[in-house]
Protein backbone atom coordinates (compact mmCIF):
# COMPACT_ATOMS: atom_id res chain seq x y z
CA MET A 1 32.66 2.91 -26.77
CA GLU A 2 30.49 4.05 -23.89
CA PHE A 3 30.81 6.41 -20.97
CA SER A 4 28.73 6.97 -17.87
CA ILE A 5 27.87 10.38 -16.47
CA TYR A 6 27.29 10.67 -12.74
CA LYS A 7 26.13 13.65 -10.63
CA GLN A 8 28.17 13.81 -7.46
CA SER A 9 26.63 14.65 -4.08
CA ILE A 10 29.95 16.02 -2.60
CA SER A 11 32.27 18.87 -3.48
CA ARG A 12 35.04 18.75 -6.02
CA ASP A 13 37.76 18.81 -3.29
CA ASP A 14 36.16 16.00 -1.29
CA PHE A 15 35.64 13.87 -4.42
CA ILE A 16 39.26 14.34 -5.46
CA ALA A 17 40.39 13.46 -1.86
CA ASN A 18 38.30 10.27 -1.99
CA ILE A 19 39.63 9.00 -5.30
CA ARG A 20 43.24 9.89 -4.35
CA GLU A 21 42.78 7.63 -1.35
CA LYS A 22 41.83 4.80 -3.78
CA GLY A 23 45.15 5.22 -5.65
CA LEU A 24 44.06 7.36 -8.60
CA HIS A 25 46.53 10.02 -9.58
CA ARG A 26 46.09 13.21 -11.56
CA ILE A 27 46.90 13.30 -15.23
CA GLY A 28 48.10 16.70 -16.47
CA GLU A 29 46.81 19.98 -14.91
CA PRO A 30 43.18 21.07 -14.35
CA ARG A 31 41.75 22.45 -17.60
CA HIS A 32 39.36 25.36 -17.99
CA TYR A 33 36.76 25.01 -20.77
CA GLU A 34 34.00 27.34 -21.97
CA SER A 35 31.00 25.10 -22.57
CA LYS A 36 28.17 26.37 -24.77
CA ILE A 37 24.75 25.03 -25.53
CA GLU A 38 21.84 26.48 -27.47
CA VAL A 39 18.22 26.21 -26.27
CA ASP A 40 15.36 27.71 -28.29
CA GLY A 41 17.75 30.12 -30.06
CA GLU A 42 19.42 31.28 -26.77
CA GLU A 43 23.11 30.49 -26.05
CA ILE A 44 23.96 29.40 -22.56
CA ILE A 45 27.63 29.53 -21.52
CA GLU A 46 29.34 27.96 -18.51
CA GLU A 47 32.96 28.10 -17.37
CA VAL A 48 33.89 24.49 -16.64
CA THR A 49 36.84 23.13 -14.66
CA VAL A 50 37.96 19.66 -15.82
CA ASP A 51 40.20 17.17 -14.01
CA PHE A 52 41.46 13.76 -15.15
CA PHE A 53 42.41 10.98 -12.67
CA PHE A 54 43.74 7.54 -13.57
CA LYS A 55 44.96 4.30 -12.13
CA LEU A 56 46.39 1.24 -13.77
CA GLU A 57 46.61 -1.81 -11.44
CA ASP A 58 49.63 -4.02 -11.56
CA ASP A 59 49.44 -6.80 -14.11
CA LYS A 60 48.10 -10.03 -12.68
CA VAL A 61 48.56 -13.52 -14.05
CA LEU A 62 45.44 -15.61 -13.36
CA GLU A 63 44.65 -19.22 -14.13
CA ILE A 64 41.81 -19.82 -16.57
CA ASP A 65 39.69 -22.32 -14.71
CA TRP A 66 37.78 -23.77 -17.62
CA ALA A 67 40.96 -24.16 -19.71
CA SER A 68 42.63 -26.03 -16.82
CA TYR A 69 39.71 -28.49 -16.55
CA TRP A 70 39.70 -29.36 -20.26
CA ASN A 71 43.50 -29.44 -20.59
CA ARG A 72 43.57 -32.12 -17.94
CA PHE A 73 40.76 -34.01 -19.73
CA PHE A 74 42.70 -34.01 -23.00
CA GLU A 75 45.94 -34.79 -21.19
CA VAL A 76 47.76 -31.76 -22.63
CA SER A 77 50.02 -29.24 -20.95
CA ALA A 78 49.11 -25.95 -22.45
CA ASP A 79 49.32 -22.43 -21.14
CA ASP A 80 46.10 -21.91 -19.21
CA SER A 81 46.81 -18.47 -17.74
CA LYS A 82 45.93 -14.94 -18.79
CA THR A 83 47.35 -11.54 -18.05
CA VAL A 84 44.85 -9.06 -16.57
CA GLU A 85 45.28 -5.38 -16.63
CA THR A 86 42.71 -3.08 -14.99
CA ALA A 87 42.41 0.57 -15.72
CA PHE A 88 40.39 3.17 -13.77
CA GLY A 89 39.65 6.56 -15.25
CA ILE A 90 37.55 9.49 -13.93
CA ILE A 91 36.91 12.90 -15.51
CA ILE A 92 35.61 15.52 -13.06
CA ILE A 93 33.50 18.37 -14.46
CA THR A 94 32.77 21.31 -12.15
CA PHE A 95 30.69 24.41 -12.76
CA SER A 96 28.39 26.64 -10.66
CA ASP A 97 29.13 24.53 -7.58
CA ARG A 98 27.83 21.42 -9.34
CA VAL A 99 30.10 18.38 -9.73
CA TYR A 100 29.69 15.73 -12.35
CA SER A 101 31.96 12.86 -13.30
CA ILE A 102 32.55 10.64 -16.27
CA SER A 103 33.80 7.06 -15.48
CA MET A 104 35.89 5.11 -17.93
CA GLY A 105 37.17 1.57 -17.62
CA ARG A 106 36.45 0.44 -14.06
CA GLY A 107 36.31 4.00 -12.77
CA TYR A 108 32.61 3.56 -12.12
CA ILE A 109 33.51 1.76 -8.90
CA PHE A 110 34.74 5.04 -7.47
CA ALA A 111 32.53 7.45 -9.49
CA SER A 112 29.34 5.76 -8.13
CA LYS A 113 30.29 5.84 -4.42
CA ALA A 114 29.23 9.44 -3.71
CA ALA A 115 26.94 9.86 -6.64
CA GLU A 116 23.31 10.95 -6.47
CA VAL A 117 21.48 7.65 -7.01
CA GLU A 118 18.42 9.38 -8.51
CA PHE A 119 20.24 11.32 -11.25
CA GLY A 120 20.04 8.81 -14.07
CA PHE A 121 16.31 8.18 -13.59
CA ASP A 122 15.59 11.84 -13.01
CA ILE A 123 17.01 12.44 -16.54
CA ALA A 124 15.20 9.37 -17.91
CA GLU A 125 11.86 10.80 -16.63
CA ILE A 126 12.55 13.93 -18.72
CA ILE A 127 13.88 12.51 -22.00
CA HIS A 128 13.17 8.78 -22.31
CA ASP A 129 10.71 7.61 -24.91
CA GLU A 130 8.05 5.55 -23.12
CA GLU A 131 7.03 3.63 -26.28
CA SER A 132 10.57 2.48 -27.10
CA VAL A 133 11.75 0.89 -23.93
CA GLU A 134 14.07 -2.00 -24.89
CA VAL A 135 15.28 -3.19 -21.51
CA LYS A 136 13.90 -2.60 -18.03
CA SER A 137 15.27 -4.13 -14.87
CA ALA A 138 13.23 -3.62 -11.75
CA ARG A 139 13.11 -4.74 -8.13
CA PHE A 140 9.73 -5.86 -6.84
CA PHE A 141 8.32 -5.03 -3.41
CA LYS A 142 5.47 -7.54 -3.28
CA LYS A 143 4.90 -11.13 -2.32
CA ALA A 144 4.16 -12.85 -5.64
CA LYS A 145 7.24 -11.64 -7.52
CA SER A 146 10.92 -12.61 -7.20
CA ARG A 147 12.88 -9.72 -5.83
CA SER A 148 14.21 -8.65 -9.21
CA LEU A 149 13.27 -9.10 -12.88
CA THR A 150 14.68 -7.91 -16.14
CA GLN A 151 12.42 -7.53 -19.23
CA TYR A 152 13.58 -7.32 -22.77
CA ASN A 153 11.32 -6.09 -25.55
CA ALA A 154 12.66 -4.49 -28.67
CA SER A 155 9.33 -4.25 -30.55
CA SER A 156 6.73 -2.91 -28.08
CA PHE A 157 6.30 -1.08 -24.85
CA VAL A 158 7.56 -2.80 -21.65
CA THR A 159 4.84 -2.23 -19.06
CA ASN A 160 5.03 -1.11 -15.50
CA GLU A 161 3.76 -3.30 -12.66
CA ILE A 162 2.63 -2.44 -9.19
CA GLY A 163 5.28 -2.68 -6.54
CA GLU A 164 8.23 -2.42 -8.85
CA SER A 165 11.19 -0.10 -8.51
CA HIS A 166 13.19 0.58 -11.54
CA GLU A 167 16.93 -0.14 -11.45
CA LEU A 168 17.90 0.02 -15.15
CA LEU A 169 16.26 1.31 -18.30
CA VAL A 170 17.37 1.24 -21.93
CA SER A 171 15.34 3.28 -24.39
CA LYS A 172 15.44 5.85 -27.15
CA ILE A 173 15.09 9.45 -26.08
CA ASN A 174 12.59 12.10 -27.15
CA LEU A 175 13.36 15.81 -26.93
CA LYS A 176 11.19 18.82 -27.49
CA ASP A 177 11.76 20.83 -30.68
CA LYS A 178 13.40 23.74 -28.80
CA TYR A 179 16.27 21.34 -28.00
CA SER A 180 16.94 20.52 -31.67
CA ASN A 181 20.41 21.96 -31.51
CA LEU A 182 21.56 19.92 -28.49
CA LEU A 183 24.33 17.34 -28.98
CA LEU A 184 22.06 14.80 -27.28
CA TYR A 185 20.12 14.66 -30.57
CA LYS A 186 23.01 12.61 -31.88
CA TYR A 187 22.24 9.92 -29.42
CA THR A 188 18.47 9.58 -29.63
CA GLU A 189 18.73 5.98 -30.70
CA LYS A 190 19.59 4.34 -27.39
CA MET A 191 20.63 5.48 -23.94
CA LYS A 192 20.94 3.64 -20.58
CA PHE A 193 19.64 5.06 -17.35
CA GLY A 194 20.40 3.91 -13.82
CA SER A 195 22.14 5.92 -11.17
CA ALA A 196 24.15 7.32 -14.10
CA VAL A 197 23.30 8.25 -17.74
CA LYS A 198 25.26 5.96 -20.07
CA ILE A 199 25.85 6.97 -23.68
CA VAL A 200 27.13 4.55 -26.37
CA VAL A 201 29.11 6.06 -29.21
CA ASP A 202 31.39 5.01 -32.03
CA ASN A 203 33.65 7.99 -31.41
CA TYR A 204 33.48 11.40 -29.84
CA GLN A 205 35.33 14.54 -29.09
CA PRO A 206 36.03 15.35 -25.44
CA GLU A 207 34.59 18.81 -25.91
CA GLU A 208 31.34 17.25 -27.06
CA VAL A 209 31.06 15.19 -23.88
CA LEU A 210 31.58 18.19 -21.70
CA ASP A 211 28.82 20.07 -23.57
CA ILE A 212 26.53 17.09 -23.11
CA VAL A 213 27.02 17.22 -19.33
CA LEU A 214 25.97 20.86 -19.44
CA GLU A 215 22.92 19.88 -21.54
CA LEU A 216 21.87 17.21 -19.07
CA ASN A 217 22.31 19.73 -16.16
CA TYR A 218 20.12 22.20 -17.97
CA LEU A 219 17.31 19.61 -18.58
CA LEU A 220 17.53 18.46 -14.99
CA ASN A 221 16.95 21.94 -13.67
CA ASN A 222 14.53 23.32 -16.25
CA GLU A 223 12.23 20.48 -17.35
CA GLU A 224 9.34 18.69 -15.54
CA LYS A 225 9.73 14.95 -14.99
CA SER A 226 7.14 12.72 -16.53
CA GLY A 227 6.52 10.88 -13.30
CA SER A 228 6.46 7.44 -14.99
CA LEU A 229 9.39 5.68 -13.36
CA PRO A 230 8.58 4.54 -9.82
CA ARG A 231 11.71 3.98 -7.72
CA MET A 232 12.43 2.64 -4.23
CA GLN A 233 16.00 2.65 -2.85
CA LEU A 234 17.09 0.62 0.16
CA ILE A 235 19.22 2.73 2.41
CA LYS A 236 22.56 1.03 3.15
CA ALA A 237 23.51 0.82 6.81
CA ASN A 238 26.88 2.51 6.56
CA GLU A 239 28.72 5.44 8.15
CA ASP A 240 27.33 7.89 5.55
CA HIS A 241 23.74 6.99 6.28
CA ALA A 242 24.10 6.54 10.09
CA PRO A 243 22.72 10.05 10.98
CA LEU A 244 19.67 9.50 8.69
CA ILE A 245 18.97 6.01 10.00
CA ALA A 246 19.26 7.34 13.57
CA ASP A 247 16.72 10.09 12.83
CA LEU A 248 14.31 7.55 11.24
CA ASN A 249 14.72 5.20 14.23
CA ARG A 250 14.01 7.99 16.69
CA ASN A 251 10.85 9.00 14.84
CA LEU A 252 9.71 5.33 14.68
CA ILE A 253 10.14 4.64 18.33
CA GLY A 254 8.47 8.02 19.16
CA ASP A 255 5.47 7.13 17.03
CA ILE A 256 5.26 3.61 18.59
CA LYS A 257 5.29 5.09 22.09
CA ALA A 258 2.64 7.58 21.06
CA ASN A 259 0.51 4.86 19.45
CA ASN A 260 0.47 6.92 16.28
CA SER A 261 -1.86 5.70 13.51
CA SER A 262 1.10 5.76 11.07
CA VAL A 263 2.45 2.56 12.75
CA SER A 264 0.86 -0.84 12.35
CA LEU A 265 2.05 -4.38 12.92
CA SER A 266 2.38 -7.10 10.34
CA TYR A 267 0.69 -10.45 10.71
CA PHE A 268 3.60 -12.19 9.04
CA VAL A 269 7.15 -11.64 7.75
CA GLU A 270 9.31 -13.93 5.63
CA GLU A 271 12.15 -15.09 7.70
CA ASP A 272 14.63 -17.52 6.03
CA GLY A 273 11.82 -18.99 3.99
CA ASP A 274 9.45 -19.42 7.01
CA VAL A 275 6.42 -17.28 7.81
CA PHE A 276 6.13 -15.74 11.23
CA VAL A 277 2.44 -15.26 12.03
CA ASN A 278 1.05 -12.83 14.48
CA PRO A 279 0.15 -15.04 17.43
CA LEU A 280 -3.50 -15.42 18.46
CA ALA A 281 -4.78 -13.45 21.42
CA ASP A 282 -4.37 -16.32 23.79
CA SER A 283 -0.66 -16.72 23.00
CA GLU A 284 1.78 -14.87 25.30
CA ILE A 285 4.19 -12.54 23.61
CA GLU A 286 7.59 -11.39 24.93
CA LEU A 287 9.42 -8.21 23.99
CA ILE A 288 13.17 -8.66 24.15
CA TYR A 289 15.42 -5.68 25.00
CA LYS A 290 18.40 -6.63 27.14
CA LYS A 291 16.00 -8.97 28.89
CA SER A 292 12.48 -10.32 28.20
CA TYR A 293 9.18 -8.60 29.10
CA VAL A 294 5.72 -10.16 28.73
CA LEU A 295 3.36 -8.00 26.69
CA ASP A 296 -0.35 -7.69 27.53
CA LYS A 297 -1.23 -7.90 23.83
CA PHE A 298 0.61 -7.84 20.51
CA THR A 299 -0.47 -4.33 19.65
CA VAL A 300 1.33 -1.04 18.94
CA ALA A 301 -0.18 0.46 22.11
CA SER A 302 1.05 -2.44 24.32
CA ILE A 303 4.47 -2.38 22.79
CA GLY A 304 4.72 1.43 23.12
CA GLU A 305 3.73 1.28 26.79
CA LYS A 306 6.37 -1.37 27.49
CA LEU A 307 9.13 0.59 25.59
CA THR A 308 8.24 3.68 27.61
CA GLU A 309 8.21 1.73 30.89
CA ILE A 310 11.65 0.23 30.37
CA GLY A 311 13.17 3.43 28.99
CA CYS A 312 14.16 1.99 25.62
CA GLU A 313 15.43 4.31 22.96
CA GLU A 314 17.04 1.73 20.64
CA ILE A 315 14.28 0.38 18.43
CA ASP A 316 16.80 -1.56 16.24
CA LYS A 317 17.77 -3.68 19.30
CA VAL A 318 14.13 -4.76 20.19
CA SER A 319 12.86 -8.24 19.25
CA ILE A 320 9.61 -10.17 19.59
CA ARG A 321 8.97 -13.84 20.36
CA THR A 322 6.26 -16.07 21.63
CA ILE A 323 6.64 -17.60 25.05
CA ASN A 324 8.57 -20.90 24.99
CA ASP A 325 9.86 -20.19 21.47
CA SER A 326 13.64 -19.63 21.13
CA ASN A 327 13.22 -17.89 17.79
CA LYS A 328 12.90 -14.16 17.91
CA ILE A 329 12.10 -11.62 15.19
CA PRO A 330 13.48 -8.03 15.20
CA LEU A 331 10.50 -5.78 15.93
CA MET A 332 11.32 -3.60 12.92
CA LYS A 333 10.61 -6.59 10.61
CA LEU A 334 7.08 -6.69 11.99
CA VAL A 335 6.37 -2.95 11.77
CA ASP A 336 4.64 -1.33 8.83
CA TYR A 337 5.57 2.35 8.91
CA ARG A 338 5.96 5.26 6.55
CA ILE A 339 7.23 8.83 7.25
CA ARG A 340 8.08 12.03 5.44
CA LEU A 341 11.41 13.46 6.70
CA ASN A 342 13.30 16.35 5.21
CA SER A 343 11.00 16.51 2.20
CA LYS A 344 11.54 12.82 1.33
CA GLU A 345 9.36 9.73 1.82
CA TYR A 346 10.69 6.76 3.84
CA CYS A 347 9.25 3.39 4.83
CA LEU A 348 10.37 0.16 6.38
CA TYR A 349 10.87 -2.81 3.98
CA ARG A 350 11.54 -6.06 5.82
CA GLY A 351 13.04 -4.22 8.70
CA LYS A 352 15.29 -2.02 6.53
CA TRP A 353 14.84 1.65 5.71
CA ALA A 354 13.96 2.55 2.13
CA THR A 355 13.14 5.77 0.34
CA PHE A 356 10.82 6.18 -2.67
CA ASN A 357 10.28 8.99 -5.06
CA ASP A 358 7.05 10.86 -5.83
CA SER A 359 6.52 8.76 -8.95
CA TYR A 360 6.37 5.64 -6.79
CA ILE A 361 3.64 7.18 -4.61
CA ASP A 362 1.73 8.62 -7.56
CA TYR A 363 1.73 5.29 -9.39
CA ILE A 364 0.45 3.41 -6.34
CA GLU A 365 -2.28 6.06 -5.59
CA LYS A 366 -3.43 5.93 -9.26
CA GLU A 367 -3.88 2.19 -9.00
CA ILE A 368 -5.59 2.46 -5.60
CA ALA A 369 -8.10 4.80 -7.19
CA ARG A 370 -8.99 1.98 -9.62
CA VAL A 371 -9.38 -0.48 -6.74
CA ASN A 372 -11.72 1.91 -4.92
CA GLU A 373 -14.19 1.56 -7.74
CA TYR A 374 -14.69 -2.12 -6.65
CA ILE A 375 -15.48 -1.38 -3.02
CA VAL A 376 -18.99 -2.00 -1.73
CA LEU A 377 -19.90 -0.49 1.63
CA ASP A 378 -22.66 -2.75 3.00
CA GLU A 379 -23.94 -2.04 6.47
CA GLU A 380 -26.01 -5.25 6.39
CA TYR A 381 -22.66 -6.97 7.19
CA ASN A 382 -21.96 -4.70 10.19
CA ILE A 383 -20.86 -6.58 13.22
CA THR A 384 -22.76 -5.98 16.41
CA ASN A 385 -23.00 -7.71 19.82
CA SER A 386 -26.39 -9.12 19.05
CA ARG A 387 -25.21 -10.63 15.79
CA LEU A 388 -22.20 -12.20 17.49
CA GLU A 389 -24.39 -13.61 20.18
CA GLU A 390 -26.71 -15.07 17.61
CA GLY A 391 -23.80 -16.75 15.86
CA ARG A 392 -22.54 -18.07 19.20
CA ARG A 393 -25.90 -19.53 20.08
CA THR A 394 -25.90 -21.41 16.73
CA GLN A 395 -22.26 -22.43 17.26
CA HIS A 396 -22.91 -23.86 20.73
CA SER A 397 -26.18 -25.58 19.75
CA ASP A 398 -24.39 -27.99 17.39
CA THR A 399 -20.98 -29.05 18.71
CA GLU A 400 -20.55 -31.67 16.00
CA LYS A 401 -21.01 -29.25 13.10
CA TYR A 402 -19.16 -26.26 14.52
CA ASP A 403 -15.82 -25.89 16.21
CA GLN A 404 -16.00 -24.46 19.71
CA VAL A 405 -13.48 -21.68 19.38
CA GLN A 406 -13.67 -18.31 21.08
CA TYR A 407 -12.54 -15.64 18.59
CA ASP A 408 -15.23 -13.37 17.08
CA GLU A 409 -14.70 -14.03 13.50
CA TYR A 410 -15.97 -17.63 13.67
CA PRO A 411 -19.45 -16.94 15.17
CA TYR A 412 -19.69 -13.90 12.87
CA ASN A 413 -19.22 -16.17 9.85
CA ILE A 414 -21.82 -18.62 11.31
CA TYR A 415 -24.23 -15.68 11.55
CA LEU A 416 -23.64 -14.85 7.92
CA GLU A 417 -24.00 -18.47 6.93
CA GLN A 418 -27.46 -18.60 8.57
CA LYS A 419 -28.72 -15.20 7.39
CA TYR A 420 -27.66 -15.41 3.71
CA ASN A 421 -27.67 -19.19 3.27
CA TYR A 422 -23.94 -19.17 2.59
CA GLN A 423 -21.79 -22.31 2.75
CA LEU A 424 -19.43 -22.10 5.71
CA LEU A 425 -15.81 -22.85 4.83
CA ASP A 426 -14.15 -21.26 7.82
CA ARG A 427 -11.85 -23.79 9.55
CA LYS A 428 -12.66 -26.32 6.81
CA LYS A 429 -9.36 -27.80 5.53
CA LEU A 430 -10.53 -30.97 3.83
CA ASN A 431 -8.26 -30.97 0.81
CA ASN A 432 -5.59 -33.72 0.87
CA ARG A 433 -3.31 -31.99 -1.59
CA PHE A 434 -3.42 -28.59 0.22
CA PRO A 435 -4.28 -29.55 3.83
CA THR A 436 -3.12 -26.18 5.28
CA VAL A 437 -5.04 -23.95 2.88
CA GLU A 438 -8.36 -22.35 3.86
CA PHE A 439 -9.80 -21.59 0.43
CA ALA A 440 -12.34 -19.10 1.82
CA ASP A 441 -14.52 -18.42 4.84
CA LEU A 442 -17.81 -18.44 2.98
CA TYR A 443 -19.23 -19.43 -0.42
CA ASP A 444 -22.27 -17.79 -1.97
CA LYS A 445 -23.94 -20.35 -4.17
CA ASP A 446 -26.16 -17.79 -5.98
CA GLU A 447 -23.34 -15.43 -6.88
CA LYS A 448 -20.77 -18.31 -7.21
CA GLU A 449 -18.62 -16.20 -4.94
CA LEU A 450 -15.75 -17.13 -2.61
CA ILE A 451 -15.46 -14.75 0.37
CA HIS A 452 -12.51 -14.34 2.79
CA VAL A 453 -13.49 -12.49 5.97
CA LYS A 454 -11.37 -10.49 8.33
CA ILE A 455 -12.23 -8.38 11.34
CA GLY A 456 -9.65 -5.76 12.42
CA SER A 457 -7.28 -3.19 10.95
CA THR A 458 -4.54 -2.85 8.34
CA ALA A 459 -2.40 -5.76 9.55
CA ASP A 460 -5.48 -8.02 9.62
CA PHE A 461 -6.49 -6.90 6.15
CA ARG A 462 -3.07 -7.76 4.75
CA TYR A 463 -3.34 -11.22 6.07
CA CYS A 464 -6.79 -11.63 4.53
CA ILE A 465 -5.45 -10.36 1.19
CA GLN A 466 -2.62 -12.93 1.24
CA GLN A 467 -5.01 -15.75 2.13
CA SER A 468 -7.29 -14.91 -0.77
CA LEU A 469 -4.43 -14.43 -3.20
CA HIS A 470 -2.91 -17.76 -2.27
CA SER A 471 -6.16 -19.63 -2.62
CA VAL A 472 -7.20 -18.10 -5.93
CA GLU A 473 -3.81 -19.08 -7.46
CA ILE A 474 -4.23 -22.65 -6.27
CA PHE A 475 -7.77 -23.34 -7.42
CA ASN A 476 -7.13 -21.55 -10.71
CA SER A 477 -4.35 -24.03 -11.47
CA HIS A 478 -6.17 -27.03 -9.96
CA ASP A 479 -9.73 -26.60 -11.07
CA ASP A 480 -10.92 -29.75 -9.17
CA VAL A 481 -9.52 -28.73 -5.82
CA LEU A 482 -12.83 -27.39 -4.54
CA GLN A 483 -14.87 -30.44 -5.44
CA GLU A 484 -14.35 -31.83 -1.94
CA TYR A 485 -16.44 -28.89 -0.74
CA GLU A 486 -19.01 -29.63 -3.50
CA ILE A 487 -18.04 -26.34 -5.17
CA THR A 488 -17.82 -26.65 -8.95
CA ASP A 489 -18.03 -23.02 -10.13
CA VAL A 490 -16.47 -19.77 -9.00
CA LYS A 491 -17.04 -16.44 -10.73
CA LYS A 492 -16.37 -13.87 -8.08
CA ILE A 493 -13.54 -13.44 -5.54
CA SER A 494 -14.34 -11.20 -2.58
CA ILE A 495 -12.79 -10.07 0.67
CA LEU A 496 -15.06 -8.81 3.40
CA LEU A 497 -13.24 -6.44 5.74
CA VAL A 498 -14.95 -5.47 8.99
CA THR A 499 -13.30 -2.52 10.73
CA GLY A 500 -13.54 0.28 13.18
CA LEU A 501 -10.91 2.25 11.28
CA GLN A 502 -12.34 5.73 10.82
CA ARG A 503 -9.59 7.01 8.53
CA ILE A 504 -10.71 4.87 5.52
CA PHE A 505 -14.06 6.78 5.43
CA ASN A 506 -14.37 10.12 3.64
CA SER A 507 -16.55 12.87 5.00
CA ASP A 508 -19.38 11.75 2.64
CA GLY A 509 -19.18 8.21 4.07
CA SER A 510 -17.48 6.67 1.09
CA VAL A 511 -14.53 4.35 1.47
CA ASP A 512 -11.10 5.43 0.19
CA PHE A 513 -8.05 3.15 0.72
CA SER A 514 -5.72 5.99 -0.24
CA ASN A 515 -6.35 7.25 3.33
CA ILE A 516 -4.31 4.27 4.69
CA ASN A 517 -0.68 5.06 5.20
CA SER A 518 0.65 1.51 4.69
CA ILE A 519 2.56 1.07 1.41
CA TYR A 520 2.61 -2.69 2.00
CA PHE A 521 -1.15 -2.80 2.20
CA LYS A 522 -1.67 -0.79 -0.94
CA ILE A 523 0.85 -2.88 -2.90
CA GLU A 524 -0.61 -6.13 -1.86
CA LEU A 525 -4.21 -5.04 -2.37
CA ILE A 526 -3.51 -3.90 -5.90
CA GLU A 527 -1.58 -7.06 -6.57
CA TRP A 528 -4.59 -9.08 -5.40
CA PHE A 529 -6.92 -6.93 -7.50
CA MET A 530 -4.86 -7.37 -10.65
CA LYS A 531 -4.34 -11.09 -10.16
CA VAL A 532 -8.08 -11.79 -9.73
CA ILE A 533 -8.91 -9.83 -12.93
CA THR A 534 -6.05 -11.43 -14.87
CA LEU A 535 -7.26 -14.94 -13.91
CA GLY A 536 -10.81 -14.08 -15.23
CA TYR A 537 -12.67 -13.61 -11.98
CA THR A 538 -14.67 -10.58 -10.74
CA PRO A 539 -13.07 -8.91 -7.70
CA GLU A 540 -15.11 -7.22 -4.94
CA ILE A 541 -14.13 -5.65 -1.67
CA LYS A 542 -16.92 -5.54 0.93
CA ILE A 543 -16.58 -3.15 3.74
CA ALA A 544 -18.58 -3.30 6.98
CA LYS A 545 -18.29 -1.52 10.31
CA LYS A 546 -17.36 -2.89 13.61
């Protein structure tokens, strides 16, 4: 037998009204119970009001599909139906203006509607035993993982990964000695944590369950969380969340119009399996809001100016497309944005609002601190007008060897090729098996190092990271793929980021990626870093100034 304990976000009267609307009816009269727990020798007493609501749906006779198929195959006429009876039960526990509920049968459908989604994991961060995690289900917010994954491990610790948000945890619990008299000690073997706390028992007394609710409430309000369970929750676009989403949208459009540094644009977004790439500077971009408007550039500043000019206040109704392309992308899907509102952190995830807890941020910042140790600030790579001109002269002097393109990155790579005797791979797509993949921009023969180069800001860096990640995964699996470039050995994987972003530099001149607001950038950079190390290469991040 098992029961799930939820913490409700609404009052007892409102919760009762909600479940009455769903057809649940009261069983008996409200009961009053004196709940007692003992903590470190001190007795804590609460007067508890308890309500019981129940619903039994009408019996249904349903056909058993699999039985029907095989009955026909064996040419028999047997009864292939079943009688289904569905029961819903909810116990409501109220004390000190706090409302908890216990769901039974299919009562969780209604108990979870107005429940605090963080409750189960808040409790888990206090009492779960990190070394005895048996099941962990998580959603991933990164490119190289499927969107959800469940791990099972009954003999060792199930590890955390960057970009994951926990959805379910099954583990033993670990309580301090001062809680030795709590009833929870009976259930140290295994508990389940999600939005609720689920306890599995052979049998129990109702009074014990009520006392356990008081114990959980005490722990929630008197113990520090471990901070080891990162969580991100997508905000559902429904009536309850409409005011919050409206506030977030207002802040977003305000920061776009103000060209606030907290807003950046993505180079790409997955759209029905395709990749929408930020158009090159010579491509005309249209902003769509009631009608189309041509943008000067695809930048936050240009978009903000246009939104101000046309008096737009509905950011969720704005789209972007390239000229002569019928496909348009909602602007919010192309925006990378994070904000703290009413003491909670929010960000955009694929155009939808999401919130994440402090553990999520702390975990990412801890991993970014590791990545910072692999940053090399090298001003020998700084980009200047004279170096660009030198690269362009070389480019124009040999039209057979070099493509005659206009963007700055290509002559800059040519300059580096000449100065350091690198092998130029920029715009070289010679591989027949992977004709669209640019495996790097440069190759350093001495260091056996592949280097991807990007000039710009956060959105450009994210694109560079994805290019490097994609290429390293391919040539690690196909070790002969670089032979067409006469490259037979790779030991180091680098990204060279050339930027005018001042916020990544500390006052002492060192580089610190924790100063960048973009959660996407940090998750993708850490993912790249971990992948490169896991595959046996040495990662390096070169930073130069523009």
